[in-house]
Protein backbone atom coordinates (compact mmCIF):
# COMPACT_ATOMS: atom_id res chain seq x y z
CA MET A 1 -153.27 83.60 -126.48
CA LYS A 2 -154.21 80.02 -125.69
CA PHE A 3 -153.63 77.08 -127.89
CA THR A 4 -155.04 73.60 -127.91
CA VAL A 5 -152.11 71.43 -128.51
CA ARG A 6 -153.91 68.28 -130.19
CA ASP A 7 -155.11 65.88 -127.49
CA ALA A 8 -151.95 66.52 -125.35
CA GLY A 9 -153.03 69.69 -123.51
CA GLU A 10 -153.15 73.52 -123.72
CA VAL A 11 -150.41 76.27 -123.76
CA GLU A 12 -151.19 79.87 -123.20
CA ILE A 13 -148.46 82.41 -124.27
CA ARG A 14 -148.17 86.07 -124.24
CA ARG A 15 -146.05 88.52 -126.43
CA GLU A 16 -144.25 91.46 -125.42
CA GLY A 17 -142.78 93.20 -128.12
CA ASP A 18 -140.20 90.56 -129.59
CA GLN A 19 -140.21 88.27 -126.57
CA LEU A 20 -142.60 85.35 -126.11
CA ILE A 21 -143.77 84.55 -122.32
CA LEU A 22 -145.09 81.17 -121.37
CA VAL A 23 -148.15 82.01 -119.19
CA GLU A 24 -149.29 78.49 -118.51
CA ALA A 25 -148.80 74.93 -119.95
CA GLN A 26 -151.44 72.43 -118.96
CA PRO A 27 -151.24 68.88 -120.00
CA ASN A 28 -154.61 66.71 -120.38
CA ALA A 29 -155.15 63.33 -118.56
CA GLY A 30 -152.39 60.88 -119.26
CA TRP A 31 -149.96 63.57 -120.38
CA ASN A 32 -146.83 64.94 -118.83
CA LEU A 33 -144.80 68.02 -119.59
CA GLU A 34 -141.31 67.24 -120.41
CA GLU A 35 -139.36 68.26 -117.29
CA ASP A 36 -137.41 71.37 -118.60
CA ASP A 37 -140.90 72.86 -119.76
CA ALA A 38 -142.75 72.14 -116.66
CA ASN A 39 -140.42 74.24 -114.55
CA GLU A 40 -139.99 77.59 -116.34
CA GLU A 41 -142.35 80.33 -115.86
CA GLU A 42 -140.65 82.46 -118.72
CA ALA A 43 -139.42 80.74 -121.91
CA GLU A 44 -135.82 81.33 -122.86
CA LEU A 45 -135.10 82.94 -125.94
CA ASP A 46 -132.93 81.08 -128.29
CA ASP A 47 -130.13 83.29 -129.20
CA GLU A 48 -128.36 81.02 -131.64
CA PRO A 49 -127.37 82.48 -134.96
CA GLU A 50 -128.88 79.66 -136.88
CA ALA A 51 -132.18 79.90 -135.20
CA LYS A 52 -132.64 83.42 -136.21
CA SER A 53 -133.88 84.73 -139.38
CA GLU A 54 -132.45 87.30 -141.68
CA ASN A 55 -134.66 89.85 -140.06
CA GLU A 56 -133.05 91.50 -136.93
CA ASP A 57 -136.54 92.30 -135.52
CA ASP A 58 -137.27 88.68 -135.05
CA GLY A 59 -137.41 87.44 -131.40
CA GLY A 60 -136.71 83.88 -130.34
CA GLU A 61 -138.81 80.82 -129.79
CA LEU A 62 -140.69 78.93 -127.03
CA VAL A 63 -141.19 75.23 -126.93
CA VAL A 64 -143.41 73.05 -124.74
CA THR A 65 -143.14 69.40 -125.14
CA PHE A 66 -145.95 67.01 -123.94
CA VAL A 67 -145.01 63.35 -123.52
CA ARG A 68 -147.10 60.10 -123.08
CA GLU A 69 -145.49 56.52 -123.43
CA ASP A 70 -144.15 56.31 -126.86
CA GLN A 71 -145.82 59.52 -128.21
CA GLU A 72 -144.53 63.27 -127.93
CA VAL A 73 -146.19 66.44 -129.01
CA GLU A 74 -144.10 69.62 -129.27
CA PHE A 75 -145.59 73.19 -129.42
CA GLU A 76 -143.51 75.73 -130.69
CA ALA A 77 -144.21 79.50 -130.95
CA GLU A 78 -141.56 81.83 -132.99
CA ILE A 79 -141.55 85.42 -134.19
CA VAL A 80 -140.67 85.25 -137.77
CA ASP A 81 -140.52 88.54 -139.86
CA GLY A 82 -142.52 90.16 -137.05
CA ARG A 83 -145.16 87.55 -137.38
CA LEU A 84 -146.08 84.92 -134.62
CA LEU A 85 -145.55 81.39 -136.36
CA ILE A 86 -147.01 78.37 -134.40
CA GLU A 87 -145.76 74.78 -135.12
CA ILE A 88 -147.12 71.60 -133.43
CA GLU A 89 -145.00 68.49 -134.18
CA GLU A 90 -146.53 65.02 -133.10
CA SER A 91 -144.36 61.92 -133.21
CA TRP A 92 -144.78 58.23 -132.35
CA HIS A 93 -142.02 55.56 -132.01
CA GLY A 94 -142.13 51.83 -132.82
CA VAL A 95 -145.58 51.98 -134.17
CA GLU A 96 -147.61 49.52 -136.52
CA PRO A 97 -148.41 50.52 -140.18
CA GLY A 98 -151.95 51.61 -140.67
CA THR A 99 -154.12 54.69 -141.41
CA PHE A 100 -153.12 57.93 -139.68
CA THR A 101 -155.35 61.19 -139.57
CA VAL A 102 -152.94 64.12 -140.23
CA GLY A 103 -154.73 66.90 -138.21
CA GLU A 104 -157.27 68.76 -140.43
CA ALA A 105 -155.56 67.96 -143.66
CA GLY A 106 -156.38 64.40 -144.41
CA THR A 107 -155.42 60.83 -143.99
CA ILE A 108 -152.38 58.64 -145.09
CA GLU A 109 -152.44 54.80 -145.07
CA ILE A 110 -148.87 53.40 -144.74
CA ARG A 111 -148.37 49.60 -145.26
CA ARG A 112 -145.18 47.46 -144.94
CA ASP A 113 -144.11 44.56 -147.21
CA GLY A 114 -141.49 43.01 -145.09
CA GLU A 115 -138.78 45.66 -144.99
CA ARG A 116 -140.32 47.86 -147.46
CA LEU A 117 -142.46 50.88 -146.54
CA ILE A 118 -145.38 51.55 -148.94
CA LEU A 119 -147.59 54.72 -149.31
CA ALA A 120 -150.96 52.90 -149.82
CA GLY A 121 -153.13 55.97 -150.12
CA VAL A 122 -153.51 59.56 -149.40
CA ILE A 123 -156.72 61.74 -148.92
CA ALA A 124 -156.61 65.31 -148.72
CA ASN A 125 -159.63 67.07 -146.88
CA ASP A 126 -161.63 69.70 -148.78
CA GLY A 127 -159.45 72.68 -149.55
CA TRP A 128 -156.15 70.87 -149.05
CA ASP A 129 -153.57 69.83 -151.69
CA PHE A 130 -150.71 67.39 -151.16
CA GLU A 131 -147.30 66.21 -152.73
CA ALA A 132 -145.37 62.96 -151.84
CA GLU A 133 -142.17 61.68 -152.12
CA ARG A 134 -140.22 58.42 -151.01
CA GLU A 135 -136.47 58.04 -150.23
CA VAL A 136 -134.38 55.10 -149.57
CA GLU A 137 -130.97 55.31 -147.98
CA GLU A 138 -128.73 52.26 -147.94
CA ASN A 139 -125.77 51.94 -145.45
CA ILE A 140 -123.83 48.95 -147.10
CA ASP A 141 -120.99 49.25 -144.41
CA GLU A 142 -123.32 48.95 -141.29
CA GLY A 143 -125.84 46.72 -143.14
CA SER A 144 -128.70 49.01 -142.49
CA SER A 145 -131.19 51.10 -144.60
CA GLU A 146 -133.49 53.93 -143.87
CA GLN A 147 -136.78 54.50 -145.88
CA GLU A 148 -138.90 57.72 -145.67
CA ILE A 149 -142.16 58.62 -147.10
CA GLU A 150 -142.87 62.36 -146.86
CA VAL A 151 -146.37 64.09 -147.55
CA THR A 152 -146.90 67.71 -147.29
CA PHE A 153 -150.38 69.03 -147.52
CA THR A 154 -151.07 72.81 -148.10
CA SER A 155 -154.05 74.96 -147.63
CA GLY A 156 -153.46 78.78 -147.95
CA ASP A 157 -150.98 79.64 -145.63
CA ARG A 158 -151.34 76.52 -143.51
CA LYS A 159 -148.79 73.55 -143.96
CA VAL A 160 -148.82 69.93 -142.59
CA GLU A 161 -145.90 67.78 -143.33
CA PHE A 162 -146.10 64.18 -142.51
CA GLU A 163 -143.18 61.72 -142.51
CA ALA A 164 -143.13 57.84 -141.90
CA THR A 165 -139.57 56.39 -141.31
CA LEU A 166 -138.55 52.93 -141.30
CA GLU A 167 -134.99 52.33 -139.86
CA ASP A 168 -133.72 48.97 -138.92
CA GLY A 169 -137.21 47.51 -138.75
CA GLU A 170 -138.75 50.29 -136.43
CA LEU A 171 -141.52 52.50 -137.86
CA GLU A 172 -141.64 56.13 -136.71
CA ILE A 173 -144.29 58.51 -137.57
CA GLU A 174 -144.20 62.34 -137.52
CA PHE A 175 -146.36 64.92 -138.57
CA GLU A 176 -146.12 68.90 -137.93
CA THR A 177 -148.56 71.73 -138.64
CA LYS A 178 -147.44 75.11 -139.27
CA TRP A 179 -149.38 78.50 -139.43
CA TYR A 180 -149.12 82.23 -138.66
CA VAL A 181 -151.48 83.68 -136.06
CA ASP A 182 -153.53 86.80 -136.63
CA GLU A 183 -152.57 88.25 -133.28
CA GLU A 184 -155.36 90.97 -133.43
CA SER A 185 -158.12 88.32 -133.52
CA ALA A 186 -156.37 85.75 -131.28
């Protein structure tokens, strides 16, 4: 099965029972593979108890990370309850506020008023719904604060989570798309 990982590259995987095998990971121009991922022909399964679900039939996970300057895109495939779950997470560090396209789900506008993070607007594309929340955490002892805006888009069994974090004056944006693969048609 081959997956396009946003504009970062492509990942091809194969499932053998409860194991996931990395066939190939190919970065697009301007992108690199994180070194650990580039040197593995077969992905290692994560045997940590907290990474497994309640179902004993579940396998591990396979992770491939693409990097470019201050941007990172992580592809993760995992067997959950016997089904193949795909997650793609993209993050930018030290970015300016603005309007962000959140995959196929919609757009989000983030503004900043001094040290205050503001959710200025959310537009959900056709067939998508969303929920938004804002959190502020003050650390008086260290004289720092962290603000987060989280927006979750849903459409059927697809889920896109967007998070904007302002910590010590630096803005970080992350969004993650999750879906189950119909392996018979893939």
